[in-house]
Protein backbone atom coordinates (compact mmCIF):
# COMPACT_ATOMS: atom_id res chain seq x y z
CA UNK A 1 0.00 0.00 0.00
CA UNK A 2 1.32 3.46 -0.86
CA UNK A 3 1.76 5.90 2.05
CA UNK A 4 2.32 9.57 1.22
CA UNK A 5 3.53 11.83 4.04
CA UNK A 6 3.07 15.58 3.62
CA UNK A 7 4.56 18.23 5.89
CA UNK A 8 5.02 21.95 5.41
CA UNK A 9 8.58 21.20 4.27
CA UNK A 10 8.49 17.88 2.42
CA UNK A 11 6.63 15.10 0.65
CA UNK A 12 7.72 11.46 0.91
CA UNK A 13 6.22 8.24 -0.43
CA UNK A 14 6.70 4.73 0.94
CA UNK A 15 5.36 1.26 0.23
CA UNK A 16 4.07 0.00 3.57
CA UNK A 17 2.56 -3.17 5.00
CA UNK A 18 0.53 -1.34 7.67
CA UNK A 19 0.10 1.96 9.53
CA UNK A 20 -0.71 2.37 13.23
CA UNK A 21 -2.38 5.70 14.08
CA UNK A 22 -3.19 7.16 17.50
CA UNK A 23 -6.31 9.31 17.50
CA UNK A 24 -8.44 10.96 20.19
CA UNK A 25 -10.91 8.06 19.70
CA UNK A 26 -8.28 5.33 20.10
CA UNK A 27 -5.62 3.38 18.24
CA UNK A 28 -6.21 2.19 14.63
CA UNK A 29 -4.20 -0.20 12.48
CA UNK A 30 -4.58 0.38 8.74
CA UNK A 31 -3.77 -2.45 6.34
CA UNK A 32 -4.20 -2.79 2.55
CA UNK A 33 -7.86 -2.73 1.43
CA UNK A 34 -8.95 -0.86 4.57
CA UNK A 35 -12.28 0.94 4.24
CA UNK A 36 -11.89 4.57 3.12
CA UNK A 37 -11.84 6.92 6.09
CA UNK A 38 -10.21 10.04 7.50
CA UNK A 39 -8.68 10.09 10.99
CA UNK A 40 -7.49 12.99 13.15
CA UNK A 41 -4.05 12.24 14.61
CA UNK A 42 -3.41 13.03 18.26
CA UNK A 43 -0.71 15.62 18.97
CA UNK A 44 2.57 14.19 20.33
CA UNK A 45 1.37 10.59 19.83
CA UNK A 46 3.32 8.27 17.52
CA UNK A 47 2.26 7.31 14.02
CA UNK A 48 4.05 4.05 13.25
CA UNK A 49 4.31 2.43 9.84
CA UNK A 50 5.97 -0.76 8.67
CA UNK A 51 7.85 -0.62 5.37
CA UNK A 52 7.62 -3.59 3.01
CA UNK A 53 11.18 -4.46 4.13
CA UNK A 54 9.89 -4.99 7.69
CA UNK A 55 11.55 -1.85 9.09
CA UNK A 56 9.34 0.25 11.39
CA UNK A 57 9.36 4.04 11.07
CA UNK A 58 7.90 6.45 13.65
CA UNK A 59 6.51 9.96 13.17
CA UNK A 60 5.46 12.07 16.13
CA UNK A 61 3.32 14.99 14.97
CA UNK A 62 3.94 17.88 17.37
CA UNK A 63 0.59 19.55 16.67
CA UNK A 64 -1.31 16.57 15.29
CA UNK A 65 -2.36 15.79 11.76
CA UNK A 66 -4.75 13.86 9.56
CA UNK A 67 -4.62 10.43 7.96
CA UNK A 68 -6.76 9.87 4.88
CA UNK A 69 -7.25 6.30 3.63
CA UNK A 70 -8.66 5.53 0.18
CA UNK A 71 -8.56 2.67 -2.28
CA UNK A 72 -5.12 3.74 -3.57
CA UNK A 73 -3.40 3.93 -0.17
CA UNK A 74 -3.02 6.47 2.60
CA UNK A 75 -1.98 10.10 2.89
CA UNK A 76 -0.75 11.62 6.14
CA UNK A 77 -0.76 15.38 6.63
CA UNK A 78 1.44 16.48 9.54
CA UNK A 79 0.68 19.89 11.08
C-alpha atoms as a PDB file:
ATOM      1  CA  UNK A   1       0.000   0.000   0.000  1.00  0.00           C
ATOM      2  CA  UNK A   2       1.324   3.456  -0.857  1.00  0.00           C
ATOM      3  CA  UNK A   3       1.759   5.900   2.053  1.00  0.00           C
ATOM      4  CA  UNK A   4       2.319   9.568   1.215  1.00  0.00           C
ATOM      5  CA  UNK A   5       3.526  11.831   4.035  1.00  0.00           C
ATOM      6  CA  UNK A   6       3.072  15.582   3.624  1.00  0.00           C
ATOM      7  CA  UNK A   7       4.561  18.231   5.892  1.00  0.00           C
ATOM      8  CA  UNK A   8       5.022  21.954   5.406  1.00  0.00           C
ATOM      9  CA  UNK A   9       8.577  21.198   4.268  1.00  0.00           C
ATOM     10  CA  UNK A  10       8.486  17.881   2.424  1.00  0.00           C
ATOM     11  CA  UNK A  11       6.632  15.101   0.654  1.00  0.00           C
ATOM     12  CA  UNK A  12       7.717  11.462   0.910  1.00  0.00           C
ATOM     13  CA  UNK A  13       6.222   8.238  -0.426  1.00  0.00           C
ATOM     14  CA  UNK A  14       6.703   4.725   0.936  1.00  0.00           C
ATOM     15  CA  UNK A  15       5.362   1.265   0.226  1.00  0.00           C
ATOM     16  CA  UNK A  16       4.074  -0.001   3.575  1.00  0.00           C
ATOM     17  CA  UNK A  17       2.562  -3.169   5.003  1.00  0.00           C
ATOM     18  CA  UNK A  18       0.525  -1.343   7.671  1.00  0.00           C
ATOM     19  CA  UNK A  19       0.104   1.957   9.532  1.00  0.00           C
ATOM     20  CA  UNK A  20      -0.714   2.375  13.230  1.00  0.00           C
ATOM     21  CA  UNK A  21      -2.379   5.700  14.085  1.00  0.00           C
ATOM     22  CA  UNK A  22      -3.186   7.155  17.500  1.00  0.00           C
ATOM     23  CA  UNK A  23      -6.310   9.313  17.500  1.00  0.00           C
ATOM     24  CA  UNK A  24      -8.443  10.964  20.195  1.00  0.00           C
ATOM     25  CA  UNK A  25     -10.905   8.060  19.695  1.00  0.00           C
ATOM     26  CA  UNK A  26      -8.277   5.329  20.095  1.00  0.00           C
ATOM     27  CA  UNK A  27      -5.623   3.382  18.237  1.00  0.00           C
ATOM     28  CA  UNK A  28      -6.210   2.192  14.632  1.00  0.00           C
ATOM     29  CA  UNK A  29      -4.198  -0.199  12.475  1.00  0.00           C
ATOM     30  CA  UNK A  30      -4.583   0.384   8.743  1.00  0.00           C
ATOM     31  CA  UNK A  31      -3.768  -2.449   6.337  1.00  0.00           C
ATOM     32  CA  UNK A  32      -4.201  -2.786   2.551  1.00  0.00           C
ATOM     33  CA  UNK A  33      -7.855  -2.732   1.434  1.00  0.00           C
ATOM     34  CA  UNK A  34      -8.946  -0.859   4.575  1.00  0.00           C
ATOM     35  CA  UNK A  35     -12.279   0.938   4.242  1.00  0.00           C
ATOM     36  CA  UNK A  36     -11.886   4.568   3.118  1.00  0.00           C
ATOM     37  CA  UNK A  37     -11.843   6.922   6.093  1.00  0.00           C
ATOM     38  CA  UNK A  38     -10.212  10.036   7.505  1.00  0.00           C
ATOM     39  CA  UNK A  39      -8.682  10.094  10.986  1.00  0.00           C
ATOM     40  CA  UNK A  40      -7.492  12.991  13.145  1.00  0.00           C
ATOM     41  CA  UNK A  41      -4.047  12.242  14.608  1.00  0.00           C
ATOM     42  CA  UNK A  42      -3.410  13.034  18.263  1.00  0.00           C
ATOM     43  CA  UNK A  43      -0.712  15.623  18.969  1.00  0.00           C
ATOM     44  CA  UNK A  44       2.571  14.193  20.331  1.00  0.00           C
ATOM     45  CA  UNK A  45       1.371  10.588  19.828  1.00  0.00           C
ATOM     46  CA  UNK A  46       3.321   8.270  17.523  1.00  0.00           C
ATOM     47  CA  UNK A  47       2.260   7.307  14.019  1.00  0.00           C
ATOM     48  CA  UNK A  48       4.053   4.046  13.245  1.00  0.00           C
ATOM     49  CA  UNK A  49       4.313   2.430   9.840  1.00  0.00           C
ATOM     50  CA  UNK A  50       5.969  -0.760   8.671  1.00  0.00           C
ATOM     51  CA  UNK A  51       7.845  -0.616   5.372  1.00  0.00           C
ATOM     52  CA  UNK A  52       7.621  -3.590   3.007  1.00  0.00           C
ATOM     53  CA  UNK A  53      11.183  -4.459   4.126  1.00  0.00           C
ATOM     54  CA  UNK A  54       9.888  -4.990   7.690  1.00  0.00           C
ATOM     55  CA  UNK A  55      11.546  -1.854   9.093  1.00  0.00           C
ATOM     56  CA  UNK A  56       9.340   0.255  11.394  1.00  0.00           C
ATOM     57  CA  UNK A  57       9.359   4.045  11.070  1.00  0.00           C
ATOM     58  CA  UNK A  58       7.897   6.454  13.647  1.00  0.00           C
ATOM     59  CA  UNK A  59       6.513   9.963  13.166  1.00  0.00           C
ATOM     60  CA  UNK A  60       5.458  12.071  16.135  1.00  0.00           C
ATOM     61  CA  UNK A  61       3.316  14.988  14.970  1.00  0.00           C
ATOM     62  CA  UNK A  62       3.938  17.877  17.374  1.00  0.00           C
ATOM     63  CA  UNK A  63       0.592  19.551  16.670  1.00  0.00           C
ATOM     64  CA  UNK A  64      -1.307  16.568  15.291  1.00  0.00           C
ATOM     65  CA  UNK A  65      -2.360  15.794  11.762  1.00  0.00           C
ATOM     66  CA  UNK A  66      -4.753  13.861   9.557  1.00  0.00           C
ATOM     67  CA  UNK A  67      -4.623  10.425   7.963  1.00  0.00           C
ATOM     68  CA  UNK A  68      -6.762   9.867   4.879  1.00  0.00           C
ATOM     69  CA  UNK A  69      -7.250   6.302   3.632  1.00  0.00           C
ATOM     70  CA  UNK A  70      -8.662   5.531   0.183  1.00  0.00           C
ATOM     71  CA  UNK A  71      -8.562   2.666  -2.279  1.00  0.00           C
ATOM     72  CA  UNK A  72      -5.121   3.738  -3.572  1.00  0.00           C
ATOM     73  CA  UNK A  73      -3.399   3.930  -0.174  1.00  0.00           C
ATOM     74  CA  UNK A  74      -3.017   6.473   2.602  1.00  0.00           C
ATOM     75  CA  UNK A  75      -1.981  10.104   2.885  1.00  0.00           C
ATOM     76  CA  UNK A  76      -0.751  11.618   6.145  1.00  0.00           C
ATOM     77  CA  UNK A  77      -0.765  15.378   6.632  1.00  0.00           C
ATOM     78  CA  UNK A  78       1.438  16.484   9.539  1.00  0.00           C
ATOM     79  CA  UNK A  79       0.681  19.891  11.082  1.00  0.00           C
END
